[in-house]
mmCIF file of all heavy atoms, coordinates in Angstrom:
data_MODEL
# 
_entry.id   MODEL 
# 
loop_
_atom_site.group_PDB 
_atom_site.id 
_atom_site.type_symbol 
_atom_site.label_atom_id 
_atom_site.label_alt_id 
_atom_site.label_comp_id 
_atom_site.label_asym_id 
_atom_site.label_entity_id 
_atom_site.label_seq_id 
_atom_site.pdbx_PDB_ins_code 
_atom_site.Cartn_x 
_atom_site.Cartn_y 
_atom_site.Cartn_z 
_atom_site.occupancy 
_atom_site.B_iso_or_equiv 
_atom_site.pdbx_formal_charge 
_atom_site.auth_seq_id 
_atom_site.auth_comp_id 
_atom_site.auth_asym_id 
_atom_site.auth_atom_id 
_atom_site.pdbx_PDB_model_num 
ATOM 1   N N   . GLY A 1 1  ? 1.619   13.663  10.003  1.00 0.00 ? 1  GLY A N   1 
ATOM 2   C CA  . GLY A 1 1  ? 1.777   13.398  8.565   1.00 0.00 ? 1  GLY A CA  1 
ATOM 3   C C   . GLY A 1 1  ? 2.621   12.171  8.285   1.00 0.00 ? 1  GLY A C   1 
ATOM 4   O O   . GLY A 1 1  ? 2.285   11.342  7.416   1.00 0.00 ? 1  GLY A O   1 
ATOM 5   N N   . ASP A 1 2  ? 3.674   11.981  9.042   1.00 0.00 ? 2  ASP A N   1 
ATOM 6   C CA  . ASP A 1 2  ? 4.504   10.770  8.871   1.00 0.00 ? 2  ASP A CA  1 
ATOM 7   C C   . ASP A 1 2  ? 3.715   9.492   9.125   1.00 0.00 ? 2  ASP A C   1 
ATOM 8   O O   . ASP A 1 2  ? 3.863   8.502   8.430   1.00 0.00 ? 2  ASP A O   1 
ATOM 9   C CB  . ASP A 1 2  ? 5.711   10.846  9.827   1.00 0.00 ? 2  ASP A CB  1 
ATOM 10  C CG  . ASP A 1 2  ? 6.721   11.902  9.507   1.00 0.00 ? 2  ASP A CG  1 
ATOM 11  O OD1 . ASP A 1 2  ? 6.638   12.426  8.373   1.00 0.00 ? 2  ASP A OD1 1 
ATOM 12  O OD2 . ASP A 1 2  ? 7.563   12.256  10.338  1.00 0.00 ? 2  ASP A OD2 1 
ATOM 13  N N   . THR A 1 3  ? 2.825   9.563   10.119  1.00 0.00 ? 3  THR A N   1 
ATOM 14  C CA  . THR A 1 3  ? 1.993   8.404   10.403  1.00 0.00 ? 3  THR A CA  1 
ATOM 15  C C   . THR A 1 3  ? 1.021   8.141   9.256   1.00 0.00 ? 3  THR A C   1 
ATOM 16  O O   . THR A 1 3  ? 0.783   6.970   8.935   1.00 0.00 ? 3  THR A O   1 
ATOM 17  C CB  . THR A 1 3  ? 1.162   8.660   11.703  1.00 0.00 ? 3  THR A CB  1 
ATOM 18  O OG1 . THR A 1 3  ? 2.131   8.959   12.772  1.00 0.00 ? 3  THR A OG1 1 
ATOM 19  C CG2 . THR A 1 3  ? 0.391   7.426   12.107  1.00 0.00 ? 3  THR A CG2 1 
ATOM 20  N N   . MET A 1 4  ? 0.485   9.199   8.668   1.00 0.00 ? 4  MET A N   1 
ATOM 21  C CA  . MET A 1 4  ? -0.394  9.043   7.523   1.00 0.00 ? 4  MET A CA  1 
ATOM 22  C C   . MET A 1 4  ? 0.339   8.375   6.348   1.00 0.00 ? 4  MET A C   1 
ATOM 23  O O   . MET A 1 4  ? -0.238  7.600   5.611   1.00 0.00 ? 4  MET A O   1 
ATOM 24  C CB  . MET A 1 4  ? -0.999  10.401  7.142   1.00 0.00 ? 4  MET A CB  1 
ATOM 25  C CG  . MET A 1 4  ? -1.930  10.935  8.189   1.00 0.00 ? 4  MET A CG  1 
ATOM 26  S SD  . MET A 1 4  ? -2.393  12.659  7.917   1.00 0.00 ? 4  MET A SD  1 
ATOM 27  C CE  . MET A 1 4  ? -3.528  12.534  6.492   1.00 0.00 ? 4  MET A CE  1 
ATOM 28  N N   . PHE A 1 5  ? 1.622   8.740   6.131   1.00 0.00 ? 5  PHE A N   1 
ATOM 29  C CA  . PHE A 1 5  ? 2.378   8.144   5.065   1.00 0.00 ? 5  PHE A CA  1 
ATOM 30  C C   . PHE A 1 5  ? 2.499   6.616   5.329   1.00 0.00 ? 5  PHE A C   1 
ATOM 31  O O   . PHE A 1 5  ? 2.365   5.841   4.393   1.00 0.00 ? 5  PHE A O   1 
ATOM 32  C CB  . PHE A 1 5  ? 3.750   8.774   5.005   1.00 0.00 ? 5  PHE A CB  1 
ATOM 33  C CG  . PHE A 1 5  ? 4.588   8.304   3.843   1.00 0.00 ? 5  PHE A CG  1 
ATOM 34  C CD1 . PHE A 1 5  ? 4.450   8.877   2.609   1.00 0.00 ? 5  PHE A CD1 1 
ATOM 35  C CD2 . PHE A 1 5  ? 5.491   7.246   3.977   1.00 0.00 ? 5  PHE A CD2 1 
ATOM 36  C CE1 . PHE A 1 5  ? 5.170   8.426   1.501   1.00 0.00 ? 5  PHE A CE1 1 
ATOM 37  C CE2 . PHE A 1 5  ? 6.255   6.807   2.910   1.00 0.00 ? 5  PHE A CE2 1 
ATOM 38  C CZ  . PHE A 1 5  ? 6.100   7.390   1.675   1.00 0.00 ? 5  PHE A CZ  1 
ATOM 39  N N   . ALA A 1 6  ? 2.765   6.237   6.561   1.00 0.00 ? 6  ALA A N   1 
ATOM 40  C CA  . ALA A 1 6  ? 2.831   4.790   6.883   1.00 0.00 ? 6  ALA A CA  1 
ATOM 41  C C   . ALA A 1 6  ? 1.496   4.110   6.646   1.00 0.00 ? 6  ALA A C   1 
ATOM 42  O O   . ALA A 1 6  ? 1.417   2.989   6.131   1.00 0.00 ? 6  ALA A O   1 
ATOM 43  C CB  . ALA A 1 6  ? 3.304   4.631   8.328   1.00 0.00 ? 6  ALA A CB  1 
ATOM 44  N N   . LEU A 1 7  ? 0.406   4.779   7.062   1.00 0.00 ? 7  LEU A N   1 
ATOM 45  C CA  . LEU A 1 7  ? -0.928  4.189   6.863   1.00 0.00 ? 7  LEU A CA  1 
ATOM 46  C C   . LEU A 1 7  ? -1.256  3.993   5.380   1.00 0.00 ? 7  LEU A C   1 
ATOM 47  O O   . LEU A 1 7  ? -1.976  3.083   5.000   1.00 0.00 ? 7  LEU A O   1 
ATOM 48  C CB  . LEU A 1 7  ? -1.991  5.120   7.490   1.00 0.00 ? 7  LEU A CB  1 
ATOM 49  C CG  . LEU A 1 7  ? -2.094  5.097   9.021   1.00 0.00 ? 7  LEU A CG  1 
ATOM 50  C CD1 . LEU A 1 7  ? -3.007  6.221   9.481   1.00 0.00 ? 7  LEU A CD1 1 
ATOM 51  C CD2 . LEU A 1 7  ? -2.584  3.741   9.521   1.00 0.00 ? 7  LEU A CD2 1 
ATOM 52  N N   . THR A 1 8  ? -0.693  4.813   4.530   1.00 0.00 ? 8  THR A N   1 
ATOM 53  C CA  . THR A 1 8  ? -0.949  4.685   3.081   1.00 0.00 ? 8  THR A CA  1 
ATOM 54  C C   . THR A 1 8  ? -0.561  3.311   2.622   1.00 0.00 ? 8  THR A C   1 
ATOM 55  O O   . THR A 1 8  ? -1.292  2.647   1.901   1.00 0.00 ? 8  THR A O   1 
ATOM 56  C CB  . THR A 1 8  ? -0.108  5.752   2.322   1.00 0.00 ? 8  THR A CB  1 
ATOM 57  O OG1 . THR A 1 8  ? -0.538  7.041   2.697   1.00 0.00 ? 8  THR A OG1 1 
ATOM 58  C CG2 . THR A 1 8  ? -0.269  5.555   0.825   1.00 0.00 ? 8  THR A CG2 1 
ATOM 59  N N   . TYR A 1 9  ? 0.611   2.833   3.022   1.00 0.00 ? 9  TYR A N   1 
ATOM 60  C CA  . TYR A 1 9  ? 1.060   1.513   2.565   1.00 0.00 ? 9  TYR A CA  1 
ATOM 61  C C   . TYR A 1 9  ? 0.172   0.397   3.122   1.00 0.00 ? 9  TYR A C   1 
ATOM 62  O O   . TYR A 1 9  ? -0.046  -0.627  2.482   1.00 0.00 ? 9  TYR A O   1 
ATOM 63  C CB  . TYR A 1 9  ? 2.553   1.274   2.925   1.00 0.00 ? 9  TYR A CB  1 
ATOM 64  C CG  . TYR A 1 9  ? 3.494   1.857   1.934   1.00 0.00 ? 9  TYR A CG  1 
ATOM 65  C CD1 . TYR A 1 9  ? 4.085   3.111   2.168   1.00 0.00 ? 9  TYR A CD1 1 
ATOM 66  C CD2 . TYR A 1 9  ? 3.772   1.238   0.726   1.00 0.00 ? 9  TYR A CD2 1 
ATOM 67  C CE1 . TYR A 1 9  ? 4.957   3.662   1.234   1.00 0.00 ? 9  TYR A CE1 1 
ATOM 68  C CE2 . TYR A 1 9  ? 4.623   1.762   -0.210  1.00 0.00 ? 9  TYR A CE2 1 
ATOM 69  C CZ  . TYR A 1 9  ? 5.213   3.010   0.036   1.00 0.00 ? 9  TYR A CZ  1 
ATOM 70  O OH  . TYR A 1 9  ? 6.062   3.510   -0.878  1.00 0.00 ? 9  TYR A OH  1 
ATOM 71  N N   . ARG A 1 10 ? -0.284  0.605   4.382   1.00 0.00 ? 10 ARG A N   1 
ATOM 72  C CA  . ARG A 1 10 ? -1.179  -0.404  4.943   1.00 0.00 ? 10 ARG A CA  1 
ATOM 73  C C   . ARG A 1 10 ? -2.427  -0.587  4.082   1.00 0.00 ? 10 ARG A C   1 
ATOM 74  O O   . ARG A 1 10 ? -2.865  -1.738  3.828   1.00 0.00 ? 10 ARG A O   1 
ATOM 75  C CB  . ARG A 1 10 ? -1.584  -0.014  6.377   1.00 0.00 ? 10 ARG A CB  1 
ATOM 76  C CG  . ARG A 1 10 ? -2.636  -0.937  6.955   1.00 0.00 ? 10 ARG A CG  1 
ATOM 77  C CD  . ARG A 1 10 ? -2.986  -0.523  8.399   1.00 0.00 ? 10 ARG A CD  1 
ATOM 78  N NE  . ARG A 1 10 ? -1.916  -0.749  9.295   1.00 0.00 ? 10 ARG A NE  1 
ATOM 79  C CZ  . ARG A 1 10 ? -1.876  -0.394  10.585  1.00 0.00 ? 10 ARG A CZ  1 
ATOM 80  N NH1 . ARG A 1 10 ? -2.917  0.265   11.092  1.00 0.00 ? 10 ARG A NH1 1 
ATOM 81  N NH2 . ARG A 1 10 ? -0.854  -0.709  11.389  1.00 0.00 ? 10 ARG A NH2 1 
ATOM 82  N N   . TYR A 1 11 ? -2.962  0.499   3.596   1.00 0.00 ? 11 TYR A N   1 
ATOM 83  C CA  . TYR A 1 11 ? -4.217  0.415   2.810   1.00 0.00 ? 11 TYR A CA  1 
ATOM 84  C C   . TYR A 1 11 ? -3.936  0.000   1.375   1.00 0.00 ? 11 TYR A C   1 
ATOM 85  O O   . TYR A 1 11 ? -4.712  -0.762  0.804   1.00 0.00 ? 11 TYR A O   1 
ATOM 86  C CB  . TYR A 1 11 ? -4.952  1.757   2.856   1.00 0.00 ? 11 TYR A CB  1 
ATOM 87  C CG  . TYR A 1 11 ? -5.752  1.927   4.132   1.00 0.00 ? 11 TYR A CG  1 
ATOM 88  C CD1 . TYR A 1 11 ? -5.186  2.418   5.276   1.00 0.00 ? 11 TYR A CD1 1 
ATOM 89  C CD2 . TYR A 1 11 ? -7.098  1.498   4.204   1.00 0.00 ? 11 TYR A CD2 1 
ATOM 90  C CE1 . TYR A 1 11 ? -5.897  2.534   6.466   1.00 0.00 ? 11 TYR A CE1 1 
ATOM 91  C CE2 . TYR A 1 11 ? -7.796  1.562   5.367   1.00 0.00 ? 11 TYR A CE2 1 
ATOM 92  C CZ  . TYR A 1 11 ? -7.227  2.109   6.498   1.00 0.00 ? 11 TYR A CZ  1 
ATOM 93  O OH  . TYR A 1 11 ? -7.928  2.195   7.665   1.00 0.00 ? 11 TYR A OH  1 
ATOM 94  N N   . LEU A 1 12 ? -2.822  0.388   0.788   1.00 0.00 ? 12 LEU A N   1 
ATOM 95  C CA  . LEU A 1 12 ? -2.526  -0.061  -0.553  1.00 0.00 ? 12 LEU A CA  1 
ATOM 96  C C   . LEU A 1 12 ? -2.305  -1.542  -0.601  1.00 0.00 ? 12 LEU A C   1 
ATOM 97  O O   . LEU A 1 12 ? -2.618  -2.193  -1.634  1.00 0.00 ? 12 LEU A O   1 
ATOM 98  C CB  . LEU A 1 12 ? -1.261  0.690   -1.037  1.00 0.00 ? 12 LEU A CB  1 
ATOM 99  C CG  . LEU A 1 12 ? -1.428  2.166   -1.428  1.00 0.00 ? 12 LEU A CG  1 
ATOM 100 C CD1 . LEU A 1 12 ? -0.076  2.768   -1.719  1.00 0.00 ? 12 LEU A CD1 1 
ATOM 101 C CD2 . LEU A 1 12 ? -2.361  2.331   -2.641  1.00 0.00 ? 12 LEU A CD2 1 
ATOM 102 N N   . ALA A 1 13 ? -1.760  -2.112  0.450   1.00 0.00 ? 13 ALA A N   1 
ATOM 103 C CA  . ALA A 1 13 ? -1.443  -3.540  0.435   1.00 0.00 ? 13 ALA A CA  1 
ATOM 104 C C   . ALA A 1 13 ? -2.469  -4.357  1.209   1.00 0.00 ? 13 ALA A C   1 
ATOM 105 O O   . ALA A 1 13 ? -2.230  -5.527  1.553   1.00 0.00 ? 13 ALA A O   1 
ATOM 106 C CB  . ALA A 1 13 ? -0.041  -3.758  1.079   1.00 0.00 ? 13 ALA A CB  1 
ATOM 107 N N   . ALA A 1 14 ? -3.648  -3.745  1.488   1.00 0.00 ? 14 ALA A N   1 
ATOM 108 C CA  . ALA A 1 14 ? -4.651  -4.451  2.303   1.00 0.00 ? 14 ALA A CA  1 
ATOM 109 C C   . ALA A 1 14 ? -5.191  -5.687  1.618   1.00 0.00 ? 14 ALA A C   1 
ATOM 110 O O   . ALA A 1 14 ? -5.567  -6.635  2.257   1.00 0.00 ? 14 ALA A O   1 
ATOM 111 C CB  . ALA A 1 14 ? -5.804  -3.495  2.604   1.00 0.00 ? 14 ALA A CB  1 
ATOM 112 N N   . LYS A 1 15 ? -5.238  -5.676  0.282   1.00 0.00 ? 15 LYS A N   1 
ATOM 113 C CA  . LYS A 1 15 ? -5.714  -6.876  -0.438  1.00 0.00 ? 15 LYS A CA  1 
ATOM 114 C C   . LYS A 1 15 ? -4.560  -7.368  -1.300  1.00 0.00 ? 15 LYS A C   1 
ATOM 115 O O   . LYS A 1 15 ? -3.759  -6.628  -1.839  1.00 0.00 ? 15 LYS A O   1 
ATOM 116 C CB  . LYS A 1 15 ? -6.913  -6.491  -1.319  1.00 0.00 ? 15 LYS A CB  1 
ATOM 117 C CG  . LYS A 1 15 ? -8.207  -6.257  -0.580  1.00 0.00 ? 15 LYS A CG  1 
ATOM 118 C CD  . LYS A 1 15 ? -9.372  -6.118  -1.519  1.00 0.00 ? 15 LYS A CD  1 
ATOM 119 C CE  . LYS A 1 15 ? -10.711 -6.025  -0.772  1.00 0.00 ? 15 LYS A CE  1 
ATOM 120 N NZ  . LYS A 1 15 ? -11.830 -5.862  -1.712  1.00 0.00 ? 15 LYS A NZ  1 
ATOM 121 N N   . HIS A 1 16 ? -4.547  -8.687  -1.456  1.00 0.00 ? 16 HIS A N   1 
ATOM 122 C CA  . HIS A 1 16 ? -3.476  -9.292  -2.272  1.00 0.00 ? 16 HIS A CA  1 
ATOM 123 C C   . HIS A 1 16 ? -3.939  -9.281  -3.760  1.00 0.00 ? 16 HIS A C   1 
ATOM 124 O O   . HIS A 1 16 ? -4.488  -10.279 -4.257  1.00 0.00 ? 16 HIS A O   1 
ATOM 125 C CB  . HIS A 1 16 ? -3.178  -10.733 -1.835  1.00 0.00 ? 16 HIS A CB  1 
ATOM 126 C CG  . HIS A 1 16 ? -2.067  -11.342 -2.612  1.00 0.00 ? 16 HIS A CG  1 
ATOM 127 N ND1 . HIS A 1 16 ? -0.782  -10.870 -2.509  1.00 0.00 ? 16 HIS A ND1 1 
ATOM 128 C CD2 . HIS A 1 16 ? -2.065  -12.339 -3.529  1.00 0.00 ? 16 HIS A CD2 1 
ATOM 129 C CE1 . HIS A 1 16 ? -0.004  -11.576 -3.321  1.00 0.00 ? 16 HIS A CE1 1 
ATOM 130 N NE2 . HIS A 1 16 ? -0.779  -12.498 -3.942  1.00 0.00 ? 16 HIS A NE2 1 
ATOM 131 N N   . HIS A 1 17 ? -3.713  -8.172  -4.418  1.00 0.00 ? 17 HIS A N   1 
ATOM 132 C CA  . HIS A 1 17 ? -4.006  -8.103  -5.846  1.00 0.00 ? 17 HIS A CA  1 
ATOM 133 C C   . HIS A 1 17 ? -2.931  -8.852  -6.628  1.00 0.00 ? 17 HIS A C   1 
ATOM 134 O O   . HIS A 1 17 ? -1.762  -8.855  -6.244  1.00 0.00 ? 17 HIS A O   1 
ATOM 135 C CB  . HIS A 1 17 ? -4.056  -6.651  -6.270  1.00 0.00 ? 17 HIS A CB  1 
ATOM 136 C CG  . HIS A 1 17 ? -5.066  -5.822  -5.547  1.00 0.00 ? 17 HIS A CG  1 
ATOM 137 N ND1 . HIS A 1 17 ? -6.435  -6.019  -5.710  1.00 0.00 ? 17 HIS A ND1 1 
ATOM 138 C CD2 . HIS A 1 17 ? -4.921  -4.816  -4.666  1.00 0.00 ? 17 HIS A CD2 1 
ATOM 139 C CE1 . HIS A 1 17 ? -7.072  -5.163  -4.955  1.00 0.00 ? 17 HIS A CE1 1 
ATOM 140 N NE2 . HIS A 1 17 ? -6.172  -4.419  -4.273  1.00 0.00 ? 17 HIS A NE2 1 
ATOM 141 N N   . PRO A 1 18 ? -3.321  -9.469  -7.738  1.00 0.00 ? 18 PRO A N   1 
ATOM 142 C CA  . PRO A 1 18 ? -2.333  -10.192 -8.567  1.00 0.00 ? 18 PRO A CA  1 
ATOM 143 C C   . PRO A 1 18 ? -1.149  -9.268  -9.011  1.00 0.00 ? 18 PRO A C   1 
ATOM 144 O O   . PRO A 1 18 ? -0.072  -9.722  -9.217  1.00 0.00 ? 18 PRO A O   1 
ATOM 145 C CB  . PRO A 1 18 ? -3.145  -10.668 -9.768  1.00 0.00 ? 18 PRO A CB  1 
ATOM 146 C CG  . PRO A 1 18 ? -4.568  -10.746 -9.257  1.00 0.00 ? 18 PRO A CG  1 
ATOM 147 C CD  . PRO A 1 18 ? -4.663  -9.641  -8.262  1.00 0.00 ? 18 PRO A CD  1 
ATOM 148 N N   . ARG A 1 19 ? -1.430  -7.961  -9.123  1.00 0.00 ? 19 ARG A N   1 
ATOM 149 C CA  . ARG A 1 19 ? -0.403  -7.040  -9.604  1.00 0.00 ? 19 ARG A CA  1 
ATOM 150 C C   . ARG A 1 19 ? 0.002   -6.074  -8.483  1.00 0.00 ? 19 ARG A C   1 
ATOM 151 O O   . ARG A 1 19 ? 0.276   -4.912  -8.731  1.00 0.00 ? 19 ARG A O   1 
ATOM 152 C CB  . ARG A 1 19 ? -0.908  -6.311  -10.830 1.00 0.00 ? 19 ARG A CB  1 
ATOM 153 C CG  . ARG A 1 19 ? -1.202  -7.293  -11.977 1.00 0.00 ? 19 ARG A CG  1 
ATOM 154 C CD  . ARG A 1 19 ? -2.046  -6.707  -13.102 1.00 0.00 ? 19 ARG A CD  1 
ATOM 155 N NE  . ARG A 1 19 ? -1.204  -5.837  -13.948 1.00 0.00 ? 19 ARG A NE  1 
ATOM 156 C CZ  . ARG A 1 19 ? -1.694  -5.246  -15.076 1.00 0.00 ? 19 ARG A CZ  1 
ATOM 157 N NH1 . ARG A 1 19 ? -2.927  -5.475  -15.399 1.00 0.00 ? 19 ARG A NH1 1 
ATOM 158 N NH2 . ARG A 1 19 ? -0.932  -4.488  -15.804 1.00 0.00 ? 19 ARG A NH2 1 
ATOM 159 N N   . LEU A 1 20 ? 0.046   -6.606  -7.271  1.00 0.00 ? 20 LEU A N   1 
ATOM 160 C CA  . LEU A 1 20 ? 0.349   -5.775  -6.145  1.00 0.00 ? 20 LEU A CA  1 
ATOM 161 C C   . LEU A 1 20 ? 1.714   -5.106  -6.233  1.00 0.00 ? 20 LEU A C   1 
ATOM 162 O O   . LEU A 1 20 ? 1.893   -3.927  -5.876  1.00 0.00 ? 20 LEU A O   1 
ATOM 163 C CB  . LEU A 1 20 ? 0.278   -6.576  -4.834  1.00 0.00 ? 20 LEU A CB  1 
ATOM 164 C CG  . LEU A 1 20 ? 0.529   -5.818  -3.519  1.00 0.00 ? 20 LEU A CG  1 
ATOM 165 C CD1 . LEU A 1 20 ? -0.497  -4.697  -3.351  1.00 0.00 ? 20 LEU A CD1 1 
ATOM 166 C CD2 . LEU A 1 20 ? 0.431   -6.780  -2.317  1.00 0.00 ? 20 LEU A CD2 1 
ATOM 167 N N   . LYS A 1 21 ? 2.722   -5.821  -6.753  1.00 0.00 ? 21 LYS A N   1 
ATOM 168 C CA  . LYS A 1 21 ? 4.067   -5.244  -6.860  1.00 0.00 ? 21 LYS A CA  1 
ATOM 169 C C   . LYS A 1 21 ? 4.056   -4.049  -7.824  1.00 0.00 ? 21 LYS A C   1 
ATOM 170 O O   . LYS A 1 21 ? 4.617   -2.967  -7.520  1.00 0.00 ? 21 LYS A O   1 
ATOM 171 C CB  . LYS A 1 21 ? 5.073   -6.260  -7.358  1.00 0.00 ? 21 LYS A CB  1 
ATOM 172 C CG  . LYS A 1 21 ? 6.496   -5.675  -7.376  1.00 0.00 ? 21 LYS A CG  1 
ATOM 173 C CD  . LYS A 1 21 ? 7.509   -6.709  -7.864  1.00 0.00 ? 21 LYS A CD  1 
ATOM 174 C CE  . LYS A 1 21 ? 8.930   -6.109  -7.750  1.00 0.00 ? 21 LYS A CE  1 
ATOM 175 N NZ  . LYS A 1 21 ? 9.112   -4.829  -8.454  1.00 0.00 ? 21 LYS A NZ  1 
ATOM 176 N N   . GLU A 1 22 ? 3.327   -4.180  -8.962  1.00 0.00 ? 22 GLU A N   1 
ATOM 177 C CA  . GLU A 1 22 ? 3.220   -3.025  -9.885  1.00 0.00 ? 22 GLU A CA  1 
ATOM 178 C C   . GLU A 1 22 ? 2.509   -1.863  -9.190  1.00 0.00 ? 22 GLU A C   1 
ATOM 179 O O   . GLU A 1 22 ? 2.929   -0.712  -9.371  1.00 0.00 ? 22 GLU A O   1 
ATOM 180 C CB  . GLU A 1 22 ? 2.413   -3.433  -11.132 1.00 0.00 ? 22 GLU A CB  1 
ATOM 181 C CG  . GLU A 1 22 ? 3.123   -4.342  -12.098 1.00 0.00 ? 22 GLU A CG  1 
ATOM 182 C CD  . GLU A 1 22 ? 2.229   -4.742  -13.225 1.00 0.00 ? 22 GLU A CD  1 
ATOM 183 O OE1 . GLU A 1 22 ? 2.037   -3.861  -14.144 1.00 0.00 ? 22 GLU A OE1 1 
ATOM 184 O OE2 . GLU A 1 22 ? 1.730   -5.866  -13.242 1.00 0.00 ? 22 GLU A OE2 1 
ATOM 185 N N   . LEU A 1 23 ? 1.501   -2.181  -8.438  1.00 0.00 ? 23 LEU A N   1 
ATOM 186 C CA  . LEU A 1 23 ? 0.747   -1.149  -7.737  1.00 0.00 ? 23 LEU A CA  1 
ATOM 187 C C   . LEU A 1 23 ? 1.632   -0.433  -6.783  1.00 0.00 ? 23 LEU A C   1 
ATOM 188 O O   . LEU A 1 23 ? 1.679   0.815   -6.761  1.00 0.00 ? 23 LEU A O   1 
ATOM 189 C CB  . LEU A 1 23 ? -0.434  -1.796  -6.981  1.00 0.00 ? 23 LEU A CB  1 
ATOM 190 C CG  . LEU A 1 23 ? -1.469  -0.951  -6.296  1.00 0.00 ? 23 LEU A CG  1 
ATOM 191 C CD1 . LEU A 1 23 ? -2.767  -1.720  -6.130  1.00 0.00 ? 23 LEU A CD1 1 
ATOM 192 C CD2 . LEU A 1 23 ? -0.971  -0.477  -4.874  1.00 0.00 ? 23 LEU A CD2 1 
ATOM 193 N N   . LEU A 1 24 ? 2.387   -1.139  -5.942  1.00 0.00 ? 24 LEU A N   1 
ATOM 194 C CA  . LEU A 1 24 ? 3.252   -0.531  -4.975  1.00 0.00 ? 24 LEU A CA  1 
ATOM 195 C C   . LEU A 1 24 ? 4.423   0.231   -5.611  1.00 0.00 ? 24 LEU A C   1 
ATOM 196 O O   . LEU A 1 24 ? 4.843   1.304   -5.148  1.00 0.00 ? 24 LEU A O   1 
ATOM 197 C CB  . LEU A 1 24 ? 3.773   -1.545  -3.970  1.00 0.00 ? 24 LEU A CB  1 
ATOM 198 C CG  . LEU A 1 24 ? 2.737   -2.164  -3.034  1.00 0.00 ? 24 LEU A CG  1 
ATOM 199 C CD1 . LEU A 1 24 ? 3.318   -3.233  -2.186  1.00 0.00 ? 24 LEU A CD1 1 
ATOM 200 C CD2 . LEU A 1 24 ? 2.065   -1.086  -2.178  1.00 0.00 ? 24 LEU A CD2 1 
ATOM 201 N N   . ASP A 1 25 ? 4.980   -0.351  -6.697  1.00 0.00 ? 25 ASP A N   1 
ATOM 202 C CA  . ASP A 1 25 ? 6.041   0.335   -7.429  1.00 0.00 ? 25 ASP A CA  1 
ATOM 203 C C   . ASP A 1 25 ? 5.573   1.653   -8.004  1.00 0.00 ? 25 ASP A C   1 
ATOM 204 O O   . ASP A 1 25 ? 6.273   2.677   -7.975  1.00 0.00 ? 25 ASP A O   1 
ATOM 205 C CB  . ASP A 1 25 ? 6.569   -0.535  -8.547  1.00 0.00 ? 25 ASP A CB  1 
ATOM 206 C CG  . ASP A 1 25 ? 7.450   -1.710  -8.053  1.00 0.00 ? 25 ASP A CG  1 
ATOM 207 O OD1 . ASP A 1 25 ? 7.826   -1.702  -6.856  1.00 0.00 ? 25 ASP A OD1 1 
ATOM 208 O OD2 . ASP A 1 25 ? 7.758   -2.634  -8.839  1.00 0.00 ? 25 ASP A OD2 1 
# 
């Protein structure tokens, strides 16, 4: 489960969206 949590951020940040900070926040 901990590994899956880390993978979540990898996929959320996979593309450089103009509003990536808002997305991650």
